[in-house]
């Protein structure tokens, strides 16, 4: 695994700040961020995702809150970057 640093929460203190890396071998994002509070987890479970899919959170997964100003560091497909996200129109 080769991680590439993408970004850290702006004006961050010395430790404990949201950070994003890219696994260059798989394209996966590795995210350090704040754990979602119980109210957020409950609401996510109530909203669910697709019909019939469990809303339980497995022990090997977690729900994290990524601050909106961190979205700038998430890579996008070239087509979105090159055309401003307009799908070429």
C-alpha atoms as a PDB file:
ATOM      1  CA  UNK A   1       0.000   0.000   0.000  1.00  0.00           C
ATOM      2  CA  UNK A   2       1.292   3.435  -0.951  1.00  0.00           C
ATOM      3  CA  UNK A   3      -0.569   6.344   0.611  1.00  0.00           C
ATOM      4  CA  UNK A   4      -0.498   9.817  -0.871  1.00  0.00           C
ATOM      5  CA  UNK A   5      -1.423  12.714   1.429  1.00  0.00           C
ATOM      6  CA  UNK A   6      -4.303  14.738  -0.051  1.00  0.00           C
ATOM      7  CA  UNK A   7      -5.270  17.254   2.604  1.00  0.00           C
ATOM      8  CA  UNK A   8      -5.836  18.170   6.226  1.00  0.00           C
ATOM      9  CA  UNK A   9      -8.508  20.278   7.923  1.00  0.00           C
ATOM     10  CA  UNK A  10      -7.626  23.948   7.270  1.00  0.00           C
ATOM     11  CA  UNK A  11      -6.048  25.879  10.147  1.00  0.00           C
ATOM     12  CA  UNK A  12      -5.605  22.625  12.006  1.00  0.00           C
ATOM     13  CA  UNK A  13      -4.082  22.410  15.468  1.00  0.00           C
ATOM     14  CA  UNK A  14      -1.104  20.089  16.007  1.00  0.00           C
ATOM     15  CA  UNK A  15      -3.071  16.825  16.299  1.00  0.00           C
ATOM     16  CA  UNK A  16      -6.451  15.125  15.990  1.00  0.00           C
ATOM     17  CA  UNK A  17      -7.616  16.786  12.792  1.00  0.00           C
ATOM     18  CA  UNK A  18      -9.470  15.314   9.815  1.00  0.00           C
ATOM     19  CA  UNK A  19      -7.014  14.131   7.171  1.00  0.00           C
ATOM     20  CA  UNK A  20      -7.421  12.400   3.794  1.00  0.00           C
ATOM     21  CA  UNK A  21      -4.986  10.095   1.983  1.00  0.00           C
ATOM     22  CA  UNK A  22      -5.293   8.216  -1.322  1.00  0.00           C
ATOM     23  CA  UNK A  23      -4.221   4.578  -1.572  1.00  0.00           C
ATOM     24  CA  UNK A  24      -2.486   4.814  -4.942  1.00  0.00           C
ATOM     25  CA  UNK A  25      -2.629   1.043  -5.476  1.00  0.00           C
ATOM     26  CA  UNK A  26      -6.414   0.723  -5.112  1.00  0.00           C
ATOM     27  CA  UNK A  27      -7.788   4.246  -5.477  1.00  0.00           C
ATOM     28  CA  UNK A  28      -9.383   3.964  -2.027  1.00  0.00           C
ATOM     29  CA  UNK A  29      -9.604   7.008   0.201  1.00  0.00           C
ATOM     30  CA  UNK A  30      -8.282   6.659   3.741  1.00  0.00           C
ATOM     31  CA  UNK A  31     -10.001   9.152   6.031  1.00  0.00           C
ATOM     32  CA  UNK A  32      -9.272  10.216   9.575  1.00  0.00           C
ATOM     33  CA  UNK A  33     -12.140  12.281  10.913  1.00  0.00           C
ATOM     34  CA  UNK A  34     -14.448  12.854  13.833  1.00  0.00           C
ATOM     35  CA  UNK A  35     -16.646   9.980  14.927  1.00  0.00           C
ATOM     36  CA  UNK A  36     -20.294  10.749  14.357  1.00  0.00           C
ATOM     37  CA  UNK A  37     -22.277  11.282  17.546  1.00  0.00           C
ATOM     38  CA  UNK A  38     -25.007   8.842  18.559  1.00  0.00           C
ATOM     39  CA  UNK A  39     -27.773  11.105  17.217  1.00  0.00           C
ATOM     40  CA  UNK A  40     -26.150  11.149  13.773  1.00  0.00           C
ATOM     41  CA  UNK A  41     -25.658   7.376  13.801  1.00  0.00           C
ATOM     42  CA  UNK A  42     -29.299   6.809  14.799  1.00  0.00           C
ATOM     43  CA  UNK A  43     -30.538   9.134  12.060  1.00  0.00           C
ATOM     44  CA  UNK A  44     -28.343   7.416   9.460  1.00  0.00           C
ATOM     45  CA  UNK A  45     -29.814   4.078  10.572  1.00  0.00           C
ATOM     46  CA  UNK A  46     -33.372   5.472  10.353  1.00  0.00           C
ATOM     47  CA  UNK A  47     -32.802   6.883   6.863  1.00  0.00           C
ATOM     48  CA  UNK A  48     -31.068   3.674   5.713  1.00  0.00           C
ATOM     49  CA  UNK A  49     -29.776   3.169   2.206  1.00  0.00           C
ATOM     50  CA  UNK A  50     -31.498   0.613  -0.017  1.00  0.00           C
ATOM     51  CA  UNK A  51     -34.577  -1.468   0.789  1.00  0.00           C
ATOM     52  CA  UNK A  52     -33.727  -4.675   2.618  1.00  0.00           C
ATOM     53  CA  UNK A  53     -30.182  -3.619   3.541  1.00  0.00           C
ATOM     54  CA  UNK A  54     -29.377  -3.829   7.237  1.00  0.00           C
ATOM     55  CA  UNK A  55     -28.870  -0.537   9.049  1.00  0.00           C
ATOM     56  CA  UNK A  56     -26.654  -2.184  11.672  1.00  0.00           C
ATOM     57  CA  UNK A  57     -23.057  -0.960  11.661  1.00  0.00           C
ATOM     58  CA  UNK A  58     -20.630  -3.896  11.699  1.00  0.00           C
ATOM     59  CA  UNK A  59     -17.816  -3.867  14.252  1.00  0.00           C
ATOM     60  CA  UNK A  60     -15.250  -3.426  11.472  1.00  0.00           C
ATOM     61  CA  UNK A  61     -16.959  -0.232  10.172  1.00  0.00           C
ATOM     62  CA  UNK A  62     -17.687   3.190  11.609  1.00  0.00           C
ATOM     63  CA  UNK A  63     -19.663   6.330  10.860  1.00  0.00           C
ATOM     64  CA  UNK A  64     -17.521   9.444  10.580  1.00  0.00           C
ATOM     65  CA  UNK A  65     -18.388  13.071   9.970  1.00  0.00           C
ATOM     66  CA  UNK A  66     -16.238  14.694   7.281  1.00  0.00           C
ATOM     67  CA  UNK A  67     -16.351  18.512   7.467  1.00  0.00           C
ATOM     68  CA  UNK A  68     -17.688  20.161   4.307  1.00  0.00           C
ATOM     69  CA  UNK A  69     -14.468  22.103   3.753  1.00  0.00           C
ATOM     70  CA  UNK A  70     -12.617  18.767   3.387  1.00  0.00           C
ATOM     71  CA  UNK A  71     -14.581  17.853   0.229  1.00  0.00           C
ATOM     72  CA  UNK A  72     -12.105  19.947  -1.776  1.00  0.00           C
ATOM     73  CA  UNK A  73      -9.471  17.263  -1.173  1.00  0.00           C
ATOM     74  CA  UNK A  74     -11.533  14.354  -2.558  1.00  0.00           C
ATOM     75  CA  UNK A  75     -10.283  13.404  -6.047  1.00  0.00           C
ATOM     76  CA  UNK A  76     -12.795  13.503  -8.867  1.00  0.00           C
ATOM     77  CA  UNK A  77     -12.796  11.733 -12.228  1.00  0.00           C
ATOM     78  CA  UNK A  78     -10.975  13.703 -14.925  1.00  0.00           C
ATOM     79  CA  UNK A  79     -14.242  14.324 -16.802  1.00  0.00           C
ATOM     80  CA  UNK A  80     -15.684  16.175 -13.807  1.00  0.00           C
ATOM     81  CA  UNK A  81     -12.523  18.221 -13.288  1.00  0.00           C
ATOM     82  CA  UNK A  82     -12.138  19.098 -16.974  1.00  0.00           C
ATOM     83  CA  UNK A  83     -15.727  20.153 -17.628  1.00  0.00           C
ATOM     84  CA  UNK A  84     -16.539  21.644 -14.242  1.00  0.00           C
ATOM     85  CA  UNK A  85     -18.810  18.738 -13.341  1.00  0.00           C
ATOM     86  CA  UNK A  86     -21.285  19.567 -16.122  1.00  0.00           C
ATOM     87  CA  UNK A  87     -21.030  16.154 -17.755  1.00  0.00           C
ATOM     88  CA  UNK A  88     -19.629  17.737 -20.889  1.00  0.00           C
ATOM     89  CA  UNK A  89     -22.579  20.030 -21.511  1.00  0.00           C
END
